[in-house]
């Protein structure tokens, strides 16, 4: 992946917050000795994105929901503004339900449910559409077509 392609993919990934849990992405030839824990590093030889976990003291793989190839293909086909909307729809289609709460002794796990996550993505999609100039806010009045020669009023 070239630096120009990485810059395009990085911009889309930061807009869509993919992979989650990082504030920035960087292209590197090798993993740095003093990494920033909030940065995901893409090393072409390793494949995928990595982040240094301070808690574990080791590198961990980041789970990206989209591949760089898919991002670049969509940007080439639809342009950068429209691509973000299309790719967001792709992420929403892949959402799965997760545990919303779990309690075992002192441990407690709580994650956003599927409906909350879909609502978040719908709001983000609305913002992306407005940014791309594709959401004008206009409404269209529609009529029911006559069925069997009978036209119904609303």
N, C-alpha and C. Protein backbone atom coordinates (compact mmCIF):
# COMPACT_ATOMS: atom_id res chain seq x y z
N UNK A 1 0.85 -1.17 0.00
CA UNK A 1 0.00 0.00 0.00
C UNK A 1 0.91 1.24 0.00
N UNK A 2 0.61 2.15 -0.90
CA UNK A 2 1.39 3.38 -0.98
C UNK A 2 0.94 4.36 0.10
N UNK A 3 1.74 5.39 0.31
CA UNK A 3 1.39 6.39 1.31
C UNK A 3 0.11 7.15 0.93
N UNK A 4 -0.07 7.40 -0.37
CA UNK A 4 -1.28 8.09 -0.82
C UNK A 4 -2.52 7.23 -0.57
N UNK A 5 -2.43 5.94 -0.86
CA UNK A 5 -3.56 5.03 -0.60
C UNK A 5 -3.84 4.93 0.90
N UNK A 6 -2.76 4.88 1.70
CA UNK A 6 -2.94 4.82 3.15
C UNK A 6 -3.63 6.08 3.66
N UNK A 7 -3.27 7.24 3.11
CA UNK A 7 -3.89 8.50 3.54
C UNK A 7 -5.38 8.50 3.26
N UNK A 8 -5.77 7.97 2.12
CA UNK A 8 -7.21 7.87 1.77
C UNK A 8 -7.91 6.92 2.73
N UNK A 9 -7.33 5.73 2.92
CA UNK A 9 -7.94 4.74 3.80
C UNK A 9 -7.99 5.25 5.24
N UNK A 10 -6.94 5.95 5.69
CA UNK A 10 -6.90 6.50 7.04
C UNK A 10 -8.02 7.51 7.26
N UNK A 11 -8.23 8.38 6.28
CA UNK A 11 -9.28 9.39 6.40
C UNK A 11 -10.66 8.74 6.55
N UNK A 12 -10.94 7.73 5.72
CA UNK A 12 -12.22 7.02 5.80
C UNK A 12 -12.33 6.28 7.13
N UNK A 13 -11.26 5.60 7.54
CA UNK A 13 -11.29 4.84 8.80
C UNK A 13 -11.52 5.75 10.00
N UNK A 14 -10.89 6.92 10.02
CA UNK A 14 -11.08 7.84 11.14
C UNK A 14 -12.51 8.41 11.14
N UNK A 15 -13.09 8.61 9.97
CA UNK A 15 -14.47 9.08 9.88
C UNK A 15 -15.43 8.04 10.43
N UNK A 16 -15.17 6.77 10.10
CA UNK A 16 -16.06 5.68 10.50
C UNK A 16 -15.68 5.04 11.83
N UNK A 17 -14.60 5.51 12.46
CA UNK A 17 -14.09 4.94 13.71
C UNK A 17 -13.80 3.45 13.58
N UNK A 18 -13.07 3.12 12.54
CA UNK A 18 -12.71 1.73 12.27
C UNK A 18 -11.21 1.64 12.10
N UNK A 19 -10.50 0.89 12.86
CA UNK A 19 -10.93 0.02 13.96
C UNK A 19 -11.24 0.82 15.22
N UNK A 20 -12.16 0.29 16.04
CA UNK A 20 -12.52 1.02 17.25
C UNK A 20 -11.38 0.98 18.28
N UNK A 21 -11.34 1.99 19.12
CA UNK A 21 -10.37 2.01 20.21
C UNK A 21 -9.08 2.74 19.93
N UNK A 22 -8.94 3.36 18.75
CA UNK A 22 -7.73 4.13 18.45
C UNK A 22 -8.13 5.54 18.03
N UNK A 23 -7.22 6.47 18.27
CA UNK A 23 -7.48 7.86 17.90
C UNK A 23 -6.77 8.27 16.63
N UNK A 24 -5.84 7.46 16.17
CA UNK A 24 -5.10 7.79 14.96
C UNK A 24 -4.52 6.51 14.38
N UNK A 25 -4.17 6.56 13.11
CA UNK A 25 -3.52 5.45 12.43
C UNK A 25 -2.23 5.95 11.81
N UNK A 26 -1.23 5.09 11.79
CA UNK A 26 0.06 5.46 11.22
C UNK A 26 0.59 4.32 10.37
N UNK A 27 1.24 4.68 9.28
CA UNK A 27 1.89 3.71 8.41
C UNK A 27 3.35 3.63 8.84
N UNK A 28 3.85 2.43 9.10
CA UNK A 28 5.22 2.26 9.58
C UNK A 28 5.89 1.08 8.88
N UNK A 29 7.21 1.17 8.75
CA UNK A 29 7.98 0.06 8.19
C UNK A 29 8.11 -1.09 9.18
N UNK A 30 8.17 -0.75 10.47
CA UNK A 30 8.23 -1.76 11.53
C UNK A 30 7.55 -1.18 12.76
N UNK A 31 7.26 -2.05 13.71
CA UNK A 31 6.62 -1.59 14.94
C UNK A 31 7.62 -0.76 15.75
N UNK A 32 7.20 0.41 16.24
CA UNK A 32 8.14 1.29 16.95
C UNK A 32 8.51 0.76 18.34
N UNK A 33 9.67 1.22 18.84
CA UNK A 33 10.12 0.82 20.17
C UNK A 33 9.31 1.51 21.27
N UNK A 34 8.94 2.77 21.04
CA UNK A 34 8.13 3.53 22.00
C UNK A 34 6.81 3.92 21.34
N UNK A 35 5.86 2.99 21.32
CA UNK A 35 4.59 3.27 20.63
C UNK A 35 3.64 4.11 21.46
N UNK A 36 2.77 4.80 20.78
CA UNK A 36 1.67 5.52 21.41
C UNK A 36 0.50 4.53 21.52
N UNK A 37 -0.05 4.30 22.74
CA UNK A 37 -1.11 3.29 22.88
C UNK A 37 -2.42 3.68 22.20
N UNK A 38 -2.59 4.95 21.83
CA UNK A 38 -3.81 5.39 21.18
C UNK A 38 -3.71 5.36 19.66
N UNK A 39 -2.59 4.89 19.14
CA UNK A 39 -2.35 4.88 17.70
C UNK A 39 -2.32 3.43 17.21
N UNK A 40 -3.00 3.18 16.11
CA UNK A 40 -2.94 1.89 15.44
C UNK A 40 -1.88 1.97 14.35
N UNK A 41 -0.97 1.03 14.32
CA UNK A 41 0.13 1.03 13.35
C UNK A 41 -0.13 -0.01 12.28
N UNK A 42 0.01 0.41 11.03
CA UNK A 42 -0.13 -0.51 9.90
C UNK A 42 1.27 -0.81 9.36
N UNK A 43 1.69 -2.04 9.50
CA UNK A 43 2.98 -2.49 8.98
C UNK A 43 2.65 -3.46 7.85
N UNK A 44 2.97 -3.10 6.61
CA UNK A 44 2.59 -3.94 5.47
C UNK A 44 3.06 -5.39 5.58
N UNK A 45 4.25 -5.62 6.15
CA UNK A 45 4.77 -6.99 6.26
C UNK A 45 3.97 -7.84 7.24
N UNK A 46 3.38 -7.22 8.26
CA UNK A 46 2.61 -7.96 9.25
C UNK A 46 1.16 -8.15 8.83
N UNK A 47 0.65 -7.26 8.01
CA UNK A 47 -0.75 -7.35 7.59
C UNK A 47 -1.66 -6.89 8.72
N UNK A 48 -2.58 -6.04 8.42
CA UNK A 48 -3.52 -5.55 9.42
C UNK A 48 -2.94 -4.44 10.28
N UNK A 49 -3.68 -4.07 11.29
CA UNK A 49 -3.32 -2.98 12.18
C UNK A 49 -2.99 -3.53 13.56
N UNK A 50 -2.00 -2.93 14.22
CA UNK A 50 -1.56 -3.36 15.56
C UNK A 50 -1.57 -2.16 16.51
N UNK A 51 -1.78 -2.46 17.77
CA UNK A 51 -1.73 -1.45 18.83
C UNK A 51 -0.99 -2.05 20.00
N UNK A 52 -0.24 -1.21 20.70
CA UNK A 52 0.48 -1.67 21.88
C UNK A 52 -0.43 -1.56 23.09
N UNK A 53 -0.63 -2.67 23.77
CA UNK A 53 -1.45 -2.70 24.98
C UNK A 53 -0.55 -2.49 26.18
N UNK A 54 -0.71 -1.35 26.84
CA UNK A 54 0.10 -1.07 28.03
C UNK A 54 -0.26 -2.01 29.17
N UNK A 55 -1.50 -2.40 29.24
CA UNK A 55 -1.95 -3.28 30.31
C UNK A 55 -1.28 -4.65 30.20
N UNK A 56 -1.22 -5.18 28.99
CA UNK A 56 -0.60 -6.48 28.77
C UNK A 56 0.90 -6.39 28.51
N UNK A 57 1.33 -5.23 28.04
CA UNK A 57 2.75 -5.06 27.73
C UNK A 57 3.16 -5.75 26.44
N UNK A 58 2.21 -5.89 25.51
CA UNK A 58 2.52 -6.55 24.24
C UNK A 58 1.66 -5.96 23.13
N UNK A 59 2.03 -6.29 21.90
CA UNK A 59 1.29 -5.82 20.73
C UNK A 59 0.06 -6.68 20.53
N UNK A 60 -1.05 -6.05 20.16
CA UNK A 60 -2.27 -6.79 19.86
C UNK A 60 -2.81 -6.37 18.51
N UNK A 61 -3.45 -7.30 17.86
CA UNK A 61 -4.03 -7.03 16.55
C UNK A 61 -5.35 -6.30 16.72
N UNK A 62 -5.58 -5.28 15.91
CA UNK A 62 -6.85 -4.55 15.93
C UNK A 62 -7.80 -5.18 14.92
N UNK A 63 -9.03 -5.34 15.33
CA UNK A 63 -10.04 -5.91 14.45
C UNK A 63 -10.70 -4.81 13.65
N UNK A 64 -10.28 -4.65 12.42
CA UNK A 64 -10.89 -3.68 11.52
C UNK A 64 -12.11 -4.33 10.87
N UNK A 65 -13.18 -3.56 10.77
CA UNK A 65 -14.40 -4.11 10.17
C UNK A 65 -14.37 -4.03 8.65
N UNK A 66 -13.49 -3.22 8.10
CA UNK A 66 -13.37 -3.06 6.65
C UNK A 66 -11.93 -3.31 6.22
N UNK A 67 -11.76 -3.87 5.05
CA UNK A 67 -10.41 -4.05 4.52
C UNK A 67 -9.98 -2.80 3.76
N UNK A 68 -8.68 -2.59 3.70
CA UNK A 68 -8.16 -1.44 2.96
C UNK A 68 -8.53 -1.54 1.48
N UNK A 69 -8.51 -2.75 0.94
CA UNK A 69 -8.85 -2.93 -0.48
C UNK A 69 -10.30 -2.52 -0.74
N UNK A 70 -11.21 -2.88 0.16
CA UNK A 70 -12.62 -2.51 -0.03
C UNK A 70 -12.79 -0.99 0.08
N UNK A 71 -12.08 -0.37 1.02
CA UNK A 71 -12.17 1.08 1.17
C UNK A 71 -11.69 1.78 -0.09
N UNK A 72 -10.52 1.38 -0.59
CA UNK A 72 -9.95 2.03 -1.77
C UNK A 72 -10.81 1.79 -3.01
N UNK A 73 -11.37 0.59 -3.14
CA UNK A 73 -12.25 0.29 -4.28
C UNK A 73 -13.51 1.16 -4.23
N UNK A 74 -14.10 1.31 -3.06
CA UNK A 74 -15.32 2.10 -2.92
C UNK A 74 -15.03 3.58 -3.15
N UNK A 75 -13.90 4.08 -2.66
CA UNK A 75 -13.54 5.47 -2.88
C UNK A 75 -13.30 5.72 -4.37
N UNK A 76 -12.65 4.78 -5.05
CA UNK A 76 -12.42 4.93 -6.49
C UNK A 76 -13.71 4.92 -7.29
N UNK A 77 -14.68 4.15 -6.84
CA UNK A 77 -15.94 4.02 -7.56
C UNK A 77 -16.91 5.17 -7.26
N UNK A 78 -16.95 5.61 -5.98
CA UNK A 78 -17.99 6.56 -5.58
C UNK A 78 -17.47 7.91 -5.11
N UNK A 79 -16.18 8.06 -4.94
CA UNK A 79 -15.64 9.31 -4.42
C UNK A 79 -15.57 9.27 -2.90
N UNK A 80 -14.77 10.13 -2.29
CA UNK A 80 -14.55 10.04 -0.84
C UNK A 80 -15.78 10.36 0.02
N UNK A 81 -16.63 11.27 -0.40
CA UNK A 81 -17.79 11.62 0.43
C UNK A 81 -18.86 10.54 0.39
N UNK A 82 -19.18 10.08 -0.79
CA UNK A 82 -20.20 9.04 -0.94
C UNK A 82 -19.70 7.69 -0.43
N UNK A 83 -18.40 7.44 -0.53
CA UNK A 83 -17.83 6.17 -0.08
C UNK A 83 -18.04 5.96 1.41
N UNK A 84 -17.89 7.03 2.19
CA UNK A 84 -18.07 6.89 3.64
C UNK A 84 -19.48 6.43 3.98
N UNK A 85 -20.47 6.92 3.26
CA UNK A 85 -21.86 6.52 3.50
C UNK A 85 -22.06 5.06 3.11
N UNK A 86 -21.55 4.67 1.96
CA UNK A 86 -21.69 3.27 1.50
C UNK A 86 -21.00 2.31 2.46
N UNK A 87 -19.81 2.68 2.90
CA UNK A 87 -19.07 1.81 3.80
C UNK A 87 -19.73 1.74 5.17
N UNK A 88 -20.35 2.81 5.61
CA UNK A 88 -21.08 2.79 6.88
C UNK A 88 -22.25 1.83 6.79
N UNK A 89 -22.94 1.83 5.66
CA UNK A 89 -24.03 0.87 5.46
C UNK A 89 -23.51 -0.56 5.53
N UNK A 90 -22.32 -0.79 4.99
CA UNK A 90 -21.71 -2.12 5.02
C UNK A 90 -21.39 -2.55 6.46
N UNK A 91 -20.92 -1.61 7.28
CA UNK A 91 -20.63 -1.91 8.68
C UNK A 91 -21.92 -2.26 9.42
N UNK A 92 -22.98 -1.50 9.18
CA UNK A 92 -24.25 -1.74 9.87
C UNK A 92 -24.79 -3.12 9.52
N UNK A 93 -24.63 -3.54 8.28
CA UNK A 93 -25.10 -4.87 7.88
C UNK A 93 -24.36 -5.97 8.63
N UNK A 94 -23.13 -5.71 9.04
CA UNK A 94 -22.33 -6.71 9.74
C UNK A 94 -22.45 -6.68 11.24
N UNK A 95 -23.27 -5.78 11.80
CA UNK A 95 -23.41 -5.71 13.25
C UNK A 95 -24.08 -6.96 13.78
N UNK A 96 -23.64 -7.36 14.94
CA UNK A 96 -24.23 -8.51 15.60
C UNK A 96 -24.57 -8.14 17.03
N UNK A 97 -25.52 -8.84 17.57
CA UNK A 97 -25.91 -8.57 18.96
C UNK A 97 -24.79 -9.03 19.89
N UNK A 98 -24.54 -8.24 20.92
CA UNK A 98 -23.56 -8.59 21.93
C UNK A 98 -24.24 -8.56 23.29
N UNK A 99 -23.56 -9.08 24.28
CA UNK A 99 -24.10 -9.06 25.63
C UNK A 99 -24.26 -7.62 26.09
N UNK A 100 -25.42 -7.31 26.65
CA UNK A 100 -25.63 -5.95 27.13
C UNK A 100 -25.26 -5.82 28.59
N UNK A 101 -25.30 -6.90 29.33
CA UNK A 101 -24.81 -6.84 30.71
C UNK A 101 -24.47 -8.26 31.16
N UNK A 102 -23.47 -8.34 32.01
CA UNK A 102 -23.03 -9.62 32.53
C UNK A 102 -22.41 -9.35 33.89
N UNK A 103 -22.78 -10.11 34.85
CA UNK A 103 -22.27 -9.87 36.19
C UNK A 103 -21.86 -11.19 36.81
N UNK A 104 -20.62 -11.26 37.29
CA UNK A 104 -20.14 -12.46 37.96
C UNK A 104 -19.20 -12.02 39.07
N UNK A 105 -19.70 -12.00 40.26
CA UNK A 105 -18.88 -11.58 41.38
C UNK A 105 -18.48 -10.11 41.25
N UNK A 106 -17.18 -9.85 41.24
CA UNK A 106 -16.70 -8.47 41.15
C UNK A 106 -16.63 -7.99 39.71
N UNK A 107 -16.74 -8.90 38.76
CA UNK A 107 -16.67 -8.50 37.36
C UNK A 107 -18.03 -8.03 36.88
N UNK A 108 -17.99 -7.03 36.02
CA UNK A 108 -19.23 -6.57 35.39
C UNK A 108 -18.89 -6.13 33.98
N UNK A 109 -19.56 -6.71 33.01
CA UNK A 109 -19.36 -6.37 31.61
C UNK A 109 -20.64 -5.75 31.10
N UNK A 110 -20.52 -4.62 30.46
CA UNK A 110 -21.68 -3.96 29.90
C UNK A 110 -21.31 -3.39 28.54
N UNK A 111 -22.03 -3.76 27.52
CA UNK A 111 -21.77 -3.27 26.18
C UNK A 111 -23.06 -2.69 25.61
N UNK A 112 -22.92 -1.88 24.61
CA UNK A 112 -24.08 -1.32 23.94
C UNK A 112 -24.81 -2.43 23.20
N UNK A 113 -26.11 -2.44 23.32
CA UNK A 113 -26.91 -3.42 22.61
C UNK A 113 -26.99 -3.10 21.12
N UNK A 114 -27.54 -4.01 20.38
CA UNK A 114 -27.63 -3.87 18.93
C UNK A 114 -28.44 -2.64 18.53
N UNK A 115 -29.56 -2.40 19.20
CA UNK A 115 -30.39 -1.24 18.84
C UNK A 115 -29.67 0.08 19.10
N UNK A 116 -28.93 0.15 20.20
CA UNK A 116 -28.18 1.38 20.49
C UNK A 116 -27.09 1.60 19.46
N UNK A 117 -26.42 0.53 19.05
CA UNK A 117 -25.36 0.65 18.05
C UNK A 117 -25.92 1.06 16.70
N UNK A 118 -27.08 0.50 16.31
CA UNK A 118 -27.69 0.88 15.04
C UNK A 118 -28.13 2.34 15.09
N UNK A 119 -28.67 2.79 16.22
CA UNK A 119 -29.07 4.20 16.35
C UNK A 119 -27.85 5.12 16.21
N UNK A 120 -26.73 4.73 16.78
CA UNK A 120 -25.50 5.51 16.65
C UNK A 120 -25.07 5.61 15.19
N UNK A 121 -25.10 4.49 14.48
CA UNK A 121 -24.71 4.50 13.08
C UNK A 121 -25.71 5.26 12.20
N UNK A 122 -26.98 5.21 12.54
CA UNK A 122 -27.97 5.99 11.77
C UNK A 122 -27.69 7.49 11.91
N UNK A 123 -27.36 7.91 13.12
CA UNK A 123 -27.05 9.32 13.34
C UNK A 123 -25.77 9.71 12.59
N UNK A 124 -24.78 8.82 12.63
CA UNK A 124 -23.54 9.10 11.90
C UNK A 124 -23.79 9.13 10.39
N UNK A 125 -24.66 8.26 9.89
CA UNK A 125 -25.00 8.24 8.46
C UNK A 125 -25.67 9.54 8.05
N UNK A 126 -26.56 10.06 8.91
CA UNK A 126 -27.24 11.32 8.63
C UNK A 126 -26.22 12.46 8.51
N UNK A 127 -25.25 12.49 9.41
CA UNK A 127 -24.22 13.53 9.38
C UNK A 127 -23.37 13.40 8.11
N UNK A 128 -23.02 12.17 7.74
CA UNK A 128 -22.21 11.96 6.54
C UNK A 128 -22.97 12.36 5.28
N UNK A 129 -24.26 12.07 5.22
CA UNK A 129 -25.07 12.46 4.07
C UNK A 129 -25.14 13.98 3.94
N UNK A 130 -25.31 14.67 5.07
CA UNK A 130 -25.35 16.13 5.03
C UNK A 130 -24.01 16.70 4.58
N UNK A 131 -22.91 16.10 5.06
CA UNK A 131 -21.58 16.56 4.68
C UNK A 131 -21.34 16.34 3.19
N UNK A 132 -21.87 15.26 2.64
CA UNK A 132 -21.69 14.96 1.22
C UNK A 132 -22.66 15.73 0.34
N UNK A 133 -23.61 16.45 0.94
CA UNK A 133 -24.57 17.22 0.17
C UNK A 133 -25.67 16.37 -0.43
N UNK A 134 -25.90 15.19 0.12
CA UNK A 134 -26.91 14.28 -0.44
C UNK A 134 -28.19 14.27 0.38
N UNK A 135 -28.24 14.99 1.48
CA UNK A 135 -29.44 15.05 2.30
C UNK A 135 -29.92 16.50 2.30
N UNK A 136 -30.89 16.80 1.47
CA UNK A 136 -31.35 18.18 1.33
C UNK A 136 -32.39 18.57 2.37
N UNK A 137 -32.98 17.59 3.04
CA UNK A 137 -34.00 17.88 4.02
C UNK A 137 -35.38 18.07 3.41
N UNK A 138 -35.49 17.96 2.11
CA UNK A 138 -36.79 18.11 1.44
C UNK A 138 -37.62 16.86 1.63
N UNK A 139 -38.93 17.06 1.61
CA UNK A 139 -39.84 15.92 1.69
C UNK A 139 -40.62 15.83 0.40
N UNK A 140 -41.07 14.67 0.12
CA UNK A 140 -41.82 14.42 -1.10
C UNK A 140 -43.20 13.90 -0.72
N UNK A 141 -44.22 14.50 -1.28
CA UNK A 141 -45.57 14.02 -1.02
C UNK A 141 -45.91 12.96 -2.06
N UNK A 142 -46.35 11.84 -1.61
CA UNK A 142 -46.65 10.73 -2.51
C UNK A 142 -48.15 10.41 -2.47
N UNK A 143 -48.63 9.86 -3.56
CA UNK A 143 -50.02 9.42 -3.63
C UNK A 143 -50.04 7.92 -3.82
N UNK A 144 -51.08 7.33 -3.30
CA UNK A 144 -51.23 5.90 -3.52
C UNK A 144 -51.70 5.68 -4.95
N UNK A 145 -51.10 4.74 -5.64
CA UNK A 145 -51.55 4.49 -7.01
C UNK A 145 -52.90 3.77 -7.00
N UNK A 146 -53.69 4.00 -8.04
CA UNK A 146 -54.98 3.29 -8.10
C UNK A 146 -54.74 1.79 -8.29
N UNK A 147 -55.43 1.00 -7.50
CA UNK A 147 -55.32 -0.44 -7.57
C UNK A 147 -56.67 -0.99 -8.00
N UNK A 148 -56.72 -1.67 -9.11
CA UNK A 148 -57.97 -2.23 -9.61
C UNK A 148 -58.96 -1.15 -10.00
N UNK A 149 -58.47 0.01 -10.38
CA UNK A 149 -59.33 1.10 -10.78
C UNK A 149 -59.89 1.92 -9.63
N UNK A 150 -59.49 1.60 -8.40
CA UNK A 150 -60.00 2.30 -7.24
C UNK A 150 -58.87 3.15 -6.66
N UNK A 151 -59.09 4.47 -6.58
CA UNK A 151 -58.11 5.37 -5.98
C UNK A 151 -58.54 5.70 -4.55
N UNK A 152 -57.63 5.53 -3.61
CA UNK A 152 -57.96 5.79 -2.21
C UNK A 152 -57.39 7.13 -1.80
N UNK A 153 -58.13 7.86 -1.00
CA UNK A 153 -57.64 9.09 -0.43
C UNK A 153 -56.99 8.79 0.89
N UNK A 154 -56.02 9.61 1.25
CA UNK A 154 -55.35 9.45 2.55
C UNK A 154 -56.01 10.27 3.56
